[in-house]
C-alpha atoms as a PDB file:
ATOM      1  CA  MET A   1    -175.808 262.075  68.266  1.00  0.00           C
ATOM      2  CA  LYS A   2    -177.150 259.643  70.896  1.00  0.00           C
ATOM      3  CA  SER A   3    -180.621 259.528  69.346  1.00  0.00           C
ATOM      4  CA  GLU A   4    -179.113 258.966  65.882  1.00  0.00           C
ATOM      5  CA  LEU A   5    -177.010 256.088  67.230  1.00  0.00           C
ATOM      6  CA  SER A   6    -180.080 254.578  68.886  1.00  0.00           C
ATOM      7  CA  ARG A   7    -182.027 254.886  65.634  1.00  0.00           C
ATOM      8  CA  ARG A   8    -179.287 253.133  63.662  1.00  0.00           C
ATOM      9  CA  CYS A   9    -179.052 250.354  66.260  1.00  0.00           C
ATOM     10  CA  PHE A  10    -182.801 249.877  66.019  1.00  0.00           C
ATOM     11  CA  LEU A  11    -182.650 249.664  62.208  1.00  0.00           C
ATOM     12  CA  VAL A  12    -179.818 247.147  62.264  1.00  0.00           C
ATOM     13  CA  SER A  13    -181.748 245.076  64.800  1.00  0.00           C
ATOM     14  CA  LEU A  14    -184.897 245.339  62.685  1.00  0.00           C
ATOM     15  CA  ALA A  15    -183.036 244.290  59.540  1.00  0.00           C
ATOM     16  CA  ALA A  16    -181.591 241.276  61.394  1.00  0.00           C
ATOM     17  CA  SER A  17    -185.055 240.268  62.582  1.00  0.00           C
ATOM     18  CA  LEU A  18    -186.453 240.567  59.056  1.00  0.00           C
ATOM     19  CA  GLU A  19    -183.609 238.500  57.641  1.00  0.00           C
ATOM     20  CA  ALA A  20    -184.200 235.817  60.271  1.00  0.00           C
ATOM     21  CA  ALA A  21    -187.839 235.751  59.200  1.00  0.00           C
ATOM     22  CA  GLY A  22    -186.840 235.190  55.584  1.00  0.00           C
ATOM     23  CA  LEU A  23    -187.404 238.792  54.487  1.00  0.00           C
ATOM     24  CA  THR A  24    -184.631 240.831  52.879  1.00  0.00           C
ATOM     25  CA  TYR A  25    -184.461 244.621  52.831  1.00  0.00           C
ATOM     26  CA  CYS A  26    -181.993 247.111  51.459  1.00  0.00           C
ATOM     27  CA  LEU A  27    -180.157 248.698  54.402  1.00  0.00           C
ATOM     28  CA  ALA A  28    -177.844 251.599  53.619  1.00  0.00           C
ATOM     29  CA  SER A  29    -175.082 252.841  55.878  1.00  0.00           C
ATOM     30  CA  THR A  30    -176.392 256.399  55.436  1.00  0.00           C
ATOM     31  CA  GLY A  31    -180.035 257.044  56.013  1.00  0.00           C
ATOM     32  CA  GLY A  32    -181.226 253.693  57.311  1.00  0.00           C
ATOM     33  CA  LEU A  33    -183.707 251.189  55.982  1.00  0.00           C
ATOM     34  CA  GLY A  34    -184.233 251.374  52.228  1.00  0.00           C
ATOM     35  CA  ARG A  35    -182.686 254.825  51.840  1.00  0.00           C
ATOM     36  CA  VAL A  36    -179.664 255.057  49.593  1.00  0.00           C
ATOM     37  CA  ASP A  37    -178.417 258.537  48.664  1.00  0.00           C
ATOM     38  CA  ASP A  38    -181.996 259.678  49.138  1.00  0.00           C
ATOM     39  CA  PRO A  39    -182.347 262.748  51.365  1.00  0.00           C
ATOM     40  CA  ALA A  40    -186.118 262.778  50.927  1.00  0.00           C
ATOM     41  CA  GLY A  41    -186.350 259.236  52.285  1.00  0.00           C
ATOM     42  CA  THR A  42    -188.438 257.883  49.403  1.00  0.00           C
ATOM     43  CA  ALA A  43    -186.286 255.018  48.039  1.00  0.00           C
ATOM     44  CA  ALA A  44    -188.007 251.642  48.063  1.00  0.00           C
ATOM     45  CA  ALA A  45    -186.862 248.719  50.162  1.00  0.00           C
ATOM     46  CA  TRP A  46    -186.853 245.289  48.504  1.00  0.00           C
ATOM     47  CA  ARG A  47    -188.530 242.364  50.263  1.00  0.00           C
ATOM     48  CA  ALA A  48    -187.758 238.818  49.138  1.00  0.00           C
ATOM     49  CA  ASP A  49    -190.560 236.279  48.847  1.00  0.00           C
ATOM     50  CA  GLY A  50    -189.034 233.285  47.103  1.00  0.00           C
ATOM     51  CA  ASP A  51    -188.106 234.389  43.566  1.00  0.00           C
ATOM     52  CA  ARG A  52    -190.235 237.532  43.800  1.00  0.00           C
ATOM     53  CA  TYR A  53    -188.736 240.735  45.178  1.00  0.00           C
ATOM     54  CA  HIS A  54    -191.384 243.208  46.302  1.00  0.00           C
ATOM     55  CA  PHE A  55    -191.131 247.006  46.460  1.00  0.00           C
ATOM     56  CA  ARG A  56    -193.476 249.750  47.575  1.00  0.00           C
ATOM     57  CA  THR A  57    -193.318 253.556  47.621  1.00  0.00           C
ATOM     58  CA  GLU A  58    -196.073 256.140  48.000  1.00  0.00           C
ATOM     59  CA  GLN A  59    -196.350 256.161  44.174  1.00  0.00           C
ATOM     60  CA  VAL A  60    -195.863 252.553  43.053  1.00  0.00           C
ATOM     61  CA  ALA A  61    -195.943 248.956  44.240  1.00  0.00           C
ATOM     62  CA  GLY A  62    -195.114 245.655  42.605  1.00  0.00           C
ATOM     63  CA  HIS A  63    -192.493 242.938  42.405  1.00  0.00           C
ATOM     64  CA  TYR A  64    -189.694 241.657  40.201  1.00  0.00           C
ATOM     65  CA  LEU A  65    -189.774 237.978  39.235  1.00  0.00           C
ATOM     66  CA  THR A  66    -186.091 236.981  39.315  1.00  0.00           C
ATOM     67  CA  ALA A  67    -186.126 233.333  38.197  1.00  0.00           C
ATOM     68  CA  GLY A  68    -187.861 231.012  35.769  1.00  0.00           C
ATOM     69  CA  ARG A  69    -189.556 231.953  32.522  1.00  0.00           C
ATOM     70  CA  TRP A  70    -190.427 235.548  31.611  1.00  0.00           C
ATOM     71  CA  GLN A  71    -188.575 237.333  34.378  1.00  0.00           C
ATOM     72  CA  GLY A  72    -189.421 241.014  34.809  1.00  0.00           C
ATOM     73  CA  MET A  73    -191.157 243.681  36.870  1.00  0.00           C
ATOM     74  CA  ARG A  74    -194.754 242.589  37.370  1.00  0.00           C
ATOM     75  CA  SER A  75    -197.966 243.643  39.113  1.00  0.00           C
ATOM     76  CA  LEU A  76    -196.795 247.243  38.875  1.00  0.00           C
ATOM     77  CA  VAL A  77    -199.515 249.576  40.177  1.00  0.00           C
ATOM     78  CA  HIS A  78    -199.739 253.364  40.345  1.00  0.00           C
ATOM     79  CA  ARG A  79    -200.920 253.619  43.937  1.00  0.00           C
ATOM     80  CA  PRO A  80    -202.719 257.012  43.892  1.00  0.00           C
ATOM     81  CA  THR A  81    -205.091 255.751  41.158  1.00  0.00           C
ATOM     82  CA  ASN A  82    -204.747 251.964  41.584  1.00  0.00           C
ATOM     83  CA  VAL A  83    -204.162 251.725  37.816  1.00  0.00           C
ATOM     84  CA  GLU A  84    -202.264 248.587  36.811  1.00  0.00           C
ATOM     85  CA  ILE A  85    -199.273 249.465  34.638  1.00  0.00           C
ATOM     86  CA  ALA A  86    -197.905 245.939  34.176  1.00  0.00           C
ATOM     87  CA  GLY A  87    -199.708 242.727  35.038  1.00  0.00           C
ATOM     88  CA  GLU A  88    -198.830 239.063  35.510  1.00  0.00           C
ATOM     89  CA  ASP A  89    -199.649 237.696  32.042  1.00  0.00           C
ATOM     90  CA  LEU A  90    -196.477 239.070  30.414  1.00  0.00           C
ATOM     91  CA  PRO A  91    -192.946 239.709  31.701  1.00  0.00           C
ATOM     92  CA  GLY A  92    -193.751 243.300  32.661  1.00  0.00           C
ATOM     93  CA  LEU A  93    -191.337 246.221  32.710  1.00  0.00           C
ATOM     94  CA  VAL A  94    -187.567 246.363  32.065  1.00  0.00           C
ATOM     95  CA  CYS A  95    -186.886 242.727  31.281  1.00  0.00           C
ATOM     96  CA  PRO A  96    -183.609 242.125  29.416  1.00  0.00           C
ATOM     97  CA  TYR A  97    -184.701 240.086  26.423  1.00  0.00           C
ATOM     98  CA  ARG A  98    -182.998 239.502  23.058  1.00  0.00           C
ATOM     99  CA  VAL A  99    -179.231 239.540  22.603  1.00  0.00           C
ATOM    100  CA  PHE A 100    -177.510 239.612  19.217  1.00  0.00           C
ATOM    101  CA  GLY A 101    -173.864 239.462  18.240  1.00  0.00           C
ATOM    102  CA  ASN A 102    -171.523 237.817  15.730  1.00  0.00           C
ATOM    103  CA  GLY A 103    -174.403 237.179  13.360  1.00  0.00           C
ATOM    104  CA  ARG A 104    -176.468 235.093  15.772  1.00  0.00           C
ATOM    105  CA  ARG A 105    -179.230 235.374  18.319  1.00  0.00           C
ATOM    106  CA  PHE A 106    -178.400 234.176  21.820  1.00  0.00           C
ATOM    107  CA  GLY A 107    -180.739 232.776  24.483  1.00  0.00           C
ATOM    108  CA  ASP A 108    -183.467 235.051  25.838  1.00  0.00           C
ATOM    109  CA  VAL A 109    -182.029 236.747  28.910  1.00  0.00           C
ATOM    110  CA  ARG A 110    -185.377 236.842  30.713  1.00  0.00           C
ATOM    111  CA  ASP A 111    -185.418 233.021  30.860  1.00  0.00           C
ATOM    112  CA  ARG A 112    -181.823 232.433  31.970  1.00  0.00           C
ATOM    113  CA  PRO A 113    -180.476 231.522  35.450  1.00  0.00           C
ATOM    114  CA  THR A 114    -179.766 234.419  37.795  1.00  0.00           C
ATOM    115  CA  ARG A 115    -177.835 235.468  40.878  1.00  0.00           C
ATOM    116  CA  VAL A 116    -179.771 237.973  42.987  1.00  0.00           C
ATOM    117  CA  ASP A 117    -178.588 240.316  45.746  1.00  0.00           C
ATOM    118  CA  VAL A 118    -180.125 243.236  47.590  1.00  0.00           C
ATOM    119  CA  THR A 119    -177.366 245.843  47.808  1.00  0.00           C
ATOM    120  CA  PRO A 120    -177.167 249.451  49.029  1.00  0.00           C
ATOM    121  CA  ALA A 121    -177.576 250.469  45.364  1.00  0.00           C
ATOM    122  CA  GLY A 122    -180.776 248.427  44.925  1.00  0.00           C
ATOM    123  CA  LEU A 123    -181.850 245.028  43.613  1.00  0.00           C
ATOM    124  CA  ARG A 124    -178.972 243.506  41.636  1.00  0.00           C
ATOM    125  CA  ILE A 125    -179.693 240.696  39.171  1.00  0.00           C
ATOM    126  CA  VAL A 126    -176.860 238.949  37.334  1.00  0.00           C
ATOM    127  CA  HIS A 127    -177.306 236.581  34.400  1.00  0.00           C
ATOM    128  CA  PRO A 128    -173.940 234.785  34.389  1.00  0.00           C
ATOM    129  CA  ALA A 129    -172.205 233.650  31.226  1.00  0.00           C
ATOM    130  CA  ASP A 130    -172.519 230.021  30.161  1.00  0.00           C
ATOM    131  CA  ALA A 131    -171.375 227.832  27.293  1.00  0.00           C
ATOM    132  CA  GLU A 132    -174.044 229.165  24.923  1.00  0.00           C
ATOM    133  CA  ASN A 133    -174.043 232.795  26.091  1.00  0.00           C
ATOM    134  CA  PRO A 134    -170.479 234.132  26.515  1.00  0.00           C
ATOM    135  CA  PHE A 135    -171.362 237.306  28.407  1.00  0.00           C
ATOM    136  CA  ASP A 136    -172.443 238.369  31.896  1.00  0.00           C
ATOM    137  CA  ILE A 137    -175.412 240.745  32.142  1.00  0.00           C
ATOM    138  CA  GLN A 138    -175.896 242.674  35.367  1.00  0.00           C
ATOM    139  CA  ALA A 139    -178.776 245.028  36.090  1.00  0.00           C
ATOM    140  CA  THR A 140    -179.370 247.015  39.281  1.00  0.00           C
ATOM    141  CA  TYR A 141    -182.862 248.395  39.974  1.00  0.00           C
ATOM    142  CA  ARG A 142    -183.734 251.212  42.368  1.00  0.00           C
ATOM    143  CA  TRP A 143    -187.130 252.827  42.911  1.00  0.00           C
ATOM    144  CA  THR A 144    -187.371 256.307  44.419  1.00  0.00           C
ATOM    145  CA  ALA A 145    -190.989 257.493  44.700  1.00  0.00           C
ATOM    146  CA  GLY A 146    -192.229 257.123  41.094  1.00  0.00           C
ATOM    147  CA  THR A 147    -188.774 256.919  39.460  1.00  0.00           C
ATOM    148  CA  LEU A 148    -186.994 253.691  38.570  1.00  0.00           C
ATOM    149  CA  ASP A 149    -183.274 253.885  37.782  1.00  0.00           C
ATOM    150  CA  VAL A 150    -181.582 250.909  36.147  1.00  0.00           C
ATOM    151  CA  ASP A 151    -177.838 250.456  35.697  1.00  0.00           C
ATOM    152  CA  TYR A 152    -176.608 247.832  33.227  1.00  0.00           C
ATOM    153  CA  ALA A 153    -173.134 246.298  32.998  1.00  0.00           C
ATOM    154  CA  ILE A 154    -172.364 243.713  30.299  1.00  0.00           C
ATOM    155  CA  THR A 155    -169.020 241.900  30.190  1.00  0.00           C
ATOM    156  CA  VAL A 156    -168.264 239.845  27.072  1.00  0.00           C
ATOM    157  CA  HIS A 157    -165.914 236.874  27.160  1.00  0.00           C
ATOM    158  CA  THR A 158    -165.250 236.789  23.436  1.00  0.00           C
ATOM    159  CA  ASP A 159    -165.057 239.421  20.730  1.00  0.00           C
ATOM    160  CA  MET A 160    -168.564 240.507  19.789  1.00  0.00           C
ATOM    161  CA  ARG A 161    -169.446 242.078  16.460  1.00  0.00           C
ATOM    162  CA  GLY A 162    -172.568 244.248  16.541  1.00  0.00           C
ATOM    163  CA  PHE A 163    -173.482 243.367  20.122  1.00  0.00           C
ATOM    164  CA  GLU A 164    -177.039 244.335  21.076  1.00  0.00           C
ATOM    165  CA  LEU A 165    -179.111 243.969  24.235  1.00  0.00           C
ATOM    166  CA  GLY A 166    -182.839 244.557  23.902  1.00  0.00           C
ATOM    167  CA  VAL A 167    -184.785 245.579  27.012  1.00  0.00           C
ATOM    168  CA  ALA A 168    -188.533 244.997  26.744  1.00  0.00           C
ATOM    169  CA  SER A 169    -191.365 246.542  28.752  1.00  0.00           C
ATOM    170  CA  TYR A 170    -194.899 245.173  28.413  1.00  0.00           C
ATOM    171  CA  LEU A 171    -197.683 247.346  29.776  1.00  0.00           C
ATOM    172  CA  ALA A 172    -201.283 246.538  30.590  1.00  0.00           C
ATOM    173  CA  ALA A 173    -204.120 247.208  28.147  1.00  0.00           C
ATOM    174  CA  GLY A 174    -205.206 250.718  27.250  1.00  0.00           C
ATOM    175  CA  PHE A 175    -201.810 252.487  27.225  1.00  0.00           C
ATOM    176  CA  ARG A 176    -201.255 254.630  24.116  1.00  0.00           C
ATOM    177  CA  ALA A 177    -197.633 254.946  22.928  1.00  0.00           C
ATOM    178  CA  TYR A 178    -195.685 258.137  22.171  1.00  0.00           C
ATOM    179  CA  ILE A 179    -192.137 258.790  20.916  1.00  0.00           C
ATOM    180  CA  SER A 180    -189.750 261.731  20.708  1.00  0.00           C
ATOM    181  CA  ARG A 181    -188.970 261.818  16.982  1.00  0.00           C
ATOM    182  CA  GLN A 182    -186.979 263.887  14.543  1.00  0.00           C
ATOM    183  CA  SER A 183    -188.715 265.757  11.753  1.00  0.00           C
ATOM    184  CA  ASN A 184    -188.688 264.210   8.280  1.00  0.00           C
ATOM    185  CA  HIS A 185    -188.663 267.650   6.645  1.00  0.00           C
ATOM    186  CA  TRP A 186    -185.241 268.451   5.183  1.00  0.00           C
ATOM    187  CA  GLY A 187    -183.475 271.122   7.195  1.00  0.00           C
ATOM    188  CA  GLU A 188    -186.055 271.174   9.995  1.00  0.00           C
ATOM    189  CA  THR A 189    -184.413 270.505  13.352  1.00  0.00           C
ATOM    190  CA  GLU A 190    -187.402 270.864  15.662  1.00  0.00           C
ATOM    191  CA  SER A 191    -188.313 267.534  17.296  1.00  0.00           C
ATOM    192  CA  GLN A 192    -191.787 266.342  18.210  1.00  0.00           C
ATOM    193  CA  ILE A 193    -193.414 264.034  20.723  1.00  0.00           C
ATOM    194  CA  VAL A 194    -196.095 262.208  18.762  1.00  0.00           C
ATOM    195  CA  PRO A 195    -198.374 259.187  19.204  1.00  0.00           C
ATOM    196  CA  VAL A 196    -197.306 256.073  17.307  1.00  0.00           C
ATOM    197  CA  ASP A 197    -200.661 255.240  15.762  1.00  0.00           C
ATOM    198  CA  VAL A 198    -201.500 252.582  13.213  1.00  0.00           C
ATOM    199  CA  ASN A 199    -201.413 253.709   9.578  1.00  0.00           C
ATOM    200  CA  PRO A 200    -201.166 252.014   6.180  1.00  0.00           C
ATOM    201  CA  LEU A 201    -197.343 252.004   6.310  1.00  0.00           C
ATOM    202  CA  SER A 202    -196.812 251.120   9.989  1.00  0.00           C
ATOM    203  CA  ASP A 203    -199.225 248.350  10.861  1.00  0.00           C
ATOM    204  CA  VAL A 204    -197.439 246.465  13.668  1.00  0.00           C
ATOM    205  CA  TYR A 205    -193.900 247.406  14.743  1.00  0.00           C
ATOM    206  CA  ALA A 206    -192.513 250.906  14.239  1.00  0.00           C
ATOM    207  CA  LEU A 207    -188.754 251.262  14.664  1.00  0.00           C
ATOM    208  CA  PHE A 208    -187.016 254.562  15.445  1.00  0.00           C
ATOM    209  CA  PRO A 209    -183.219 254.332  14.986  1.00  0.00           C
ATOM    210  CA  ARG A 210    -180.815 256.907  16.413  1.00  0.00           C
ATOM    211  CA  ASP A 211    -179.536 257.984  12.987  1.00  0.00           C
ATOM    212  CA  GLU A 212    -178.620 256.711   9.545  1.00  0.00           C
ATOM    213  CA  SER A 213    -175.301 255.253  10.702  1.00  0.00           C
ATOM    214  CA  VAL A 214    -176.951 252.431  12.673  1.00  0.00           C
ATOM    215  CA  MET A 215    -179.250 251.211   9.889  1.00  0.00           C
ATOM    216  CA  GLY A 216    -176.702 248.682   8.626  1.00  0.00           C
ATOM    217  CA  THR A 217    -176.542 247.019  12.035  1.00  0.00           C
ATOM    218  CA  ILE A 218    -180.307 246.941  12.506  1.00  0.00           C
ATOM    219  CA  PHE A 219    -180.920 245.451   9.080  1.00  0.00           C
ATOM    220  CA  ASP A 220    -178.000 242.990   8.943  1.00  0.00           C
ATOM    221  CA  GLY A 221    -180.428 240.078   9.168  1.00  0.00           C
ATOM    222  CA  ARG A 222    -180.567 239.771  12.964  1.00  0.00           C
ATOM    223  CA  TRP A 223    -184.305 240.379  13.118  1.00  0.00           C
ATOM    224  CA  ASP A 224    -184.940 237.568  10.644  1.00  0.00           C
ATOM    225  CA  LEU A 225    -183.497 235.030  13.098  1.00  0.00           C
ATOM    226  CA  PRO A 226    -185.952 232.707  14.898  1.00  0.00           C
ATOM    227  CA  PRO A 227    -187.734 232.448  17.185  1.00  0.00           C
ATOM    228  CA  ALA A 228    -190.270 235.253  16.603  1.00  0.00           C
ATOM    229  CA  PRO A 229    -188.610 237.196  13.762  1.00  0.00           C
ATOM    230  CA  VAL A 230    -189.804 240.781  13.386  1.00  0.00           C
ATOM    231  CA  ARG A 231    -190.543 242.947  10.339  1.00  0.00           C
ATOM    232  CA  TYR A 232    -190.118 246.670  11.006  1.00  0.00           C
ATOM    233  CA  THR A 233    -191.150 249.902   9.379  1.00  0.00           C
ATOM    234  CA  VAL A 234    -189.059 253.027  10.048  1.00  0.00           C
ATOM    235  CA  PRO A 235    -191.205 256.183  10.228  1.00  0.00           C
ATOM    236  CA  ALA A 236    -188.421 258.463  11.531  1.00  0.00           C
ATOM    237  CA  TYR A 237    -185.285 258.679  13.669  1.00  0.00           C
ATOM    238  CA  PHE A 238    -185.732 259.275  17.377  1.00  0.00           C
ATOM    239  CA  ALA A 239    -184.840 262.757  18.647  1.00  0.00           C
ATOM    240  CA  ARG A 240    -184.312 261.736  22.252  1.00  0.00           C
ATOM    241  CA  ALA A 241    -184.068 258.185  23.581  1.00  0.00           C
ATOM    242  CA  LEU A 242    -187.472 258.746  25.166  1.00  0.00           C
ATOM    243  CA  ALA A 243    -190.783 256.954  24.683  1.00  0.00           C
ATOM    244  CA  TYR A 244    -193.787 256.434  26.880  1.00  0.00           C
ATOM    245  CA  ARG A 245    -197.247 254.983  27.159  1.00  0.00           C
ATOM    246  CA  ARG A 246    -200.198 256.844  28.641  1.00  0.00           C
ATOM    247  CA  HIS A 247    -203.278 255.144  30.075  1.00  0.00           C
ATOM    248  CA  VAL A 248    -206.102 256.720  28.093  1.00  0.00           C
ATOM    249  CA  PRO A 249    -208.824 256.709  30.798  1.00  0.00           C
ATOM    250  CA  SER A 250    -206.715 257.868  33.762  1.00  0.00           C
ATOM    251  CA  GLY A 251    -203.715 259.711  32.316  1.00  0.00           C
ATOM    252  CA  VAL A 252    -201.256 257.485  34.206  1.00  0.00           C
ATOM    253  CA  MET A 253    -197.968 257.409  32.302  1.00  0.00           C
ATOM    254  CA  ALA A 254    -194.907 255.156  32.201  1.00  0.00           C
ATOM    255  CA  ILE A 255    -192.074 257.139  30.613  1.00  0.00           C
ATOM    256  CA  GLY A 256    -188.929 255.304  29.490  1.00  0.00           C
ATOM    257  CA  MET A 257    -185.567 256.987  28.921  1.00  0.00           C
ATOM    258  CA  ALA A 258    -182.260 255.475  27.850  1.00  0.00           C
ATOM    259  CA  ASP A 259    -178.680 256.705  27.680  1.00  0.00           C
ATOM    260  CA  PRO A 260    -178.596 258.679  24.409  1.00  0.00           C
ATOM    261  CA  LYS A 261    -175.018 257.518  23.767  1.00  0.00           C
ATOM    262  CA  GLU A 262    -175.816 253.802  24.055  1.00  0.00           C
ATOM    263  CA  CYS A 263    -179.433 253.432  22.909  1.00  0.00           C
ATOM    264  CA  TYR A 264    -179.302 252.879  19.164  1.00  0.00           C
ATOM    265  CA  ALA A 265    -182.981 252.218  18.411  1.00  0.00           C
ATOM    266  CA  ILE A 266    -186.447 252.165  19.990  1.00  0.00           C
ATOM    267  CA  CYS A 267    -189.255 249.874  18.860  1.00  0.00           C
ATOM    268  CA  VAL A 268    -192.887 250.813  19.478  1.00  0.00           C
ATOM    269  CA  PRO A 269    -195.775 248.486  18.623  1.00  0.00           C
ATOM    270  CA  VAL A 270    -198.332 250.821  17.070  1.00  0.00           C
ATOM    271  CA  ASN A 271    -201.525 251.975  18.769  1.00  0.00           C
ATOM    272  CA  ASP A 272    -204.343 250.020  17.138  1.00  0.00           C
ATOM    273  CA  PRO A 273    -206.924 251.503  17.327  1.00  0.00           C
ATOM    274  CA  PRO A 274    -205.258 254.825  18.211  1.00  0.00           C
ATOM    275  CA  GLU A 275    -207.471 256.017  21.069  1.00  0.00           C
ATOM    276  CA  GLU A 276    -207.910 252.632  22.737  1.00  0.00           C
ATOM    277  CA  PRO A 277    -205.054 250.276  21.839  1.00  0.00           C
ATOM    278  CA  ASP A 278    -206.053 246.620  21.778  1.00  0.00           C
ATOM    279  CA  PRO A 279    -203.407 244.122  22.963  1.00  0.00           C
ATOM    280  CA  ALA A 280    -204.840 241.578  20.523  1.00  0.00           C
ATOM    281  CA  ARG A 281    -203.470 243.780  17.701  1.00  0.00           C
ATOM    282  CA  GLY A 282    -199.957 244.162  19.112  1.00  0.00           C
ATOM    283  CA  TYR A 283    -198.220 244.220  22.468  1.00  0.00           C
ATOM    284  CA  GLN A 284    -198.656 247.323  24.625  1.00  0.00           C
ATOM    285  CA  ALA A 285    -194.877 247.446  24.792  1.00  0.00           C
ATOM    286  CA  LEU A 286    -191.772 249.582  24.443  1.00  0.00           C
ATOM    287  CA  TYR A 287    -188.407 248.124  23.438  1.00  0.00           C
ATOM    288  CA  PHE A 288    -185.088 249.916  23.949  1.00  0.00           C
ATOM    289  CA  TYR A 289    -182.221 248.451  21.904  1.00  0.00           C
ATOM    290  CA  LEU A 290    -178.848 249.119  23.527  1.00  0.00           C
ATOM    291  CA  PHE A 291    -175.251 249.291  22.251  1.00  0.00           C
ATOM    292  CA  GLY A 292    -175.423 247.978  18.670  1.00  0.00           C
ATOM    293  CA  ARG A 293    -171.642 248.095  18.431  1.00  0.00           C
ATOM    294  CA  ASP A 294    -168.534 245.913  18.573  1.00  0.00           C
ATOM    295  CA  LEU A 295    -167.171 244.845  21.959  1.00  0.00           C
ATOM    296  CA  ALA A 296    -163.736 243.327  22.559  1.00  0.00           C
ATOM    297  CA  GLN A 297    -163.148 240.223  24.666  1.00  0.00           C
ATOM    298  CA  GLY A 298    -163.085 241.197  28.347  1.00  0.00           C
ATOM    299  CA  GLU A 299    -164.735 244.583  27.719  1.00  0.00           C
ATOM    300  CA  THR A 300    -167.506 245.788  30.035  1.00  0.00           C
ATOM    301  CA  ALA A 301    -170.157 248.031  28.487  1.00  0.00           C
ATOM    302  CA  ARG A 302    -172.242 250.139  30.869  1.00  0.00           C
ATOM    303  CA  THR A 303    -175.370 252.173  30.463  1.00  0.00           C
ATOM    304  CA  HIS A 304    -178.207 253.687  32.479  1.00  0.00           C
ATOM    305  CA  ALA A 305    -181.965 253.866  31.965  1.00  0.00           C
ATOM    306  CA  ARG A 306    -184.802 255.545  33.812  1.00  0.00           C
ATOM    307  CA  TRP A 307    -188.553 255.062  34.030  1.00  0.00           C
ATOM    308  CA  ILE A 308    -190.936 257.591  35.535  1.00  0.00           C
ATOM    309  CA  VAL A 309    -194.462 256.719  36.615  1.00  0.00           C
ATOM    310  CA  ALA A 310    -196.677 259.794  36.863  1.00  0.00           C
ATOM    311  CA  GLN A 311    -200.079 261.135  35.858  1.00  0.00           C
ATOM    312  CA  ASP A 312    -201.024 263.664  33.183  1.00  0.00           C
ATOM    313  CA  LEU A 313    -197.617 265.227  32.636  1.00  0.00           C
ATOM    314  CA  GLU A 314    -197.508 267.884  29.916  1.00  0.00           C
ATOM    315  CA  GLU A 315    -194.767 267.880  27.276  1.00  0.00           C
ATOM    316  CA  PRO A 316    -192.642 270.590  29.010  1.00  0.00           C
ATOM    317  CA  GLU A 317    -192.674 268.508  32.207  1.00  0.00           C
ATOM    318  CA  ILE A 318    -191.681 265.363  30.295  1.00  0.00           C
ATOM    319  CA  LEU A 319    -188.819 267.216  28.618  1.00  0.00           C
ATOM    320  CA  ALA A 320    -187.673 268.621  31.969  1.00  0.00           C
ATOM    321  CA  HIS A 321    -187.444 265.049  33.289  1.00  0.00           C
ATOM    322  CA  TRP A 322    -185.479 264.100  30.179  1.00  0.00           C
ATOM    323  CA  GLU A 323    -183.017 266.953  30.614  1.00  0.00           C
ATOM    324  CA  ALA A 324    -182.446 266.023  34.267  1.00  0.00           C
ATOM    325  CA  PHE A 325    -181.765 262.438  33.203  1.00  0.00           C
ATOM    326  CA  ALA A 326    -179.586 263.199  30.169  1.00  0.00           C
ATOM    327  CA  GLU A 327    -177.364 265.777  31.842  1.00  0.00           C
ATOM    328  CA  ASN A 328    -176.309 263.199  34.441  1.00  0.00           C
ATOM    329  CA  ASP A 329    -175.654 260.439  31.940  1.00  0.00           C
END
């Protein structure tokens, strides 16, 4: 008891010293510095350096740019191999991006003003509502070893028809994309995890909706709106809200998962060429499109996403991670 009290006093003193030096860490009331509901003691602390919030675990290191243009998780490195997963040239991982609703496209979230806090739950970033964007978007990020959990909360201040939040993740060169897709054979229920390679029918952006019921929302004209309108092909429906990219030379993987109840489509820029995707022929990206439904004034919509950074996972291991994620969502 005495040694535990001494340890906690030391951590509080250390946190105060870091704050005085201009560095901010996540300090939880249970477990100490940077450990929030984490018995193994592997949750990342967040260190502020201006608008960049740095994190580091034994598996990953990087920072989140929280202000200015193209906000997102950058300089993300898989530490055991030193493979760069997301660089500095693009916004990086898990950047809230396009928002649609009421037949219009709103301002890009990743360029909007923010309020930033380090909380016991992780790094919390809020994009407050303004005159042109009548909704608050809050995201909380928490790294534990090689797993990133993200909790989203969106509050709308007017009725929204067909509200959609797109979350974009841009990876470094050389990452081949895969998706969990449904079979196109009538009556066949077995799903597959397959690479999303270039072919004569899918030459840039492949879109995998949840099911037939959401097609009217996706193709209501929203993706024709400037800037940067997009033309999709639809090879199949997704089976699980799960997609990933695998670094061809090293086997390092970044696996994205979204709440299967609130993710209504996944976009994957095709692998071109298949074995060594070239960023000049399409972003090395994954896009998860969330909600796609009506929200009433004052309503708060919530959802959860997870990313796992690992190396050379086999399909049964990937599916085991998915089941652990989905059963808690």
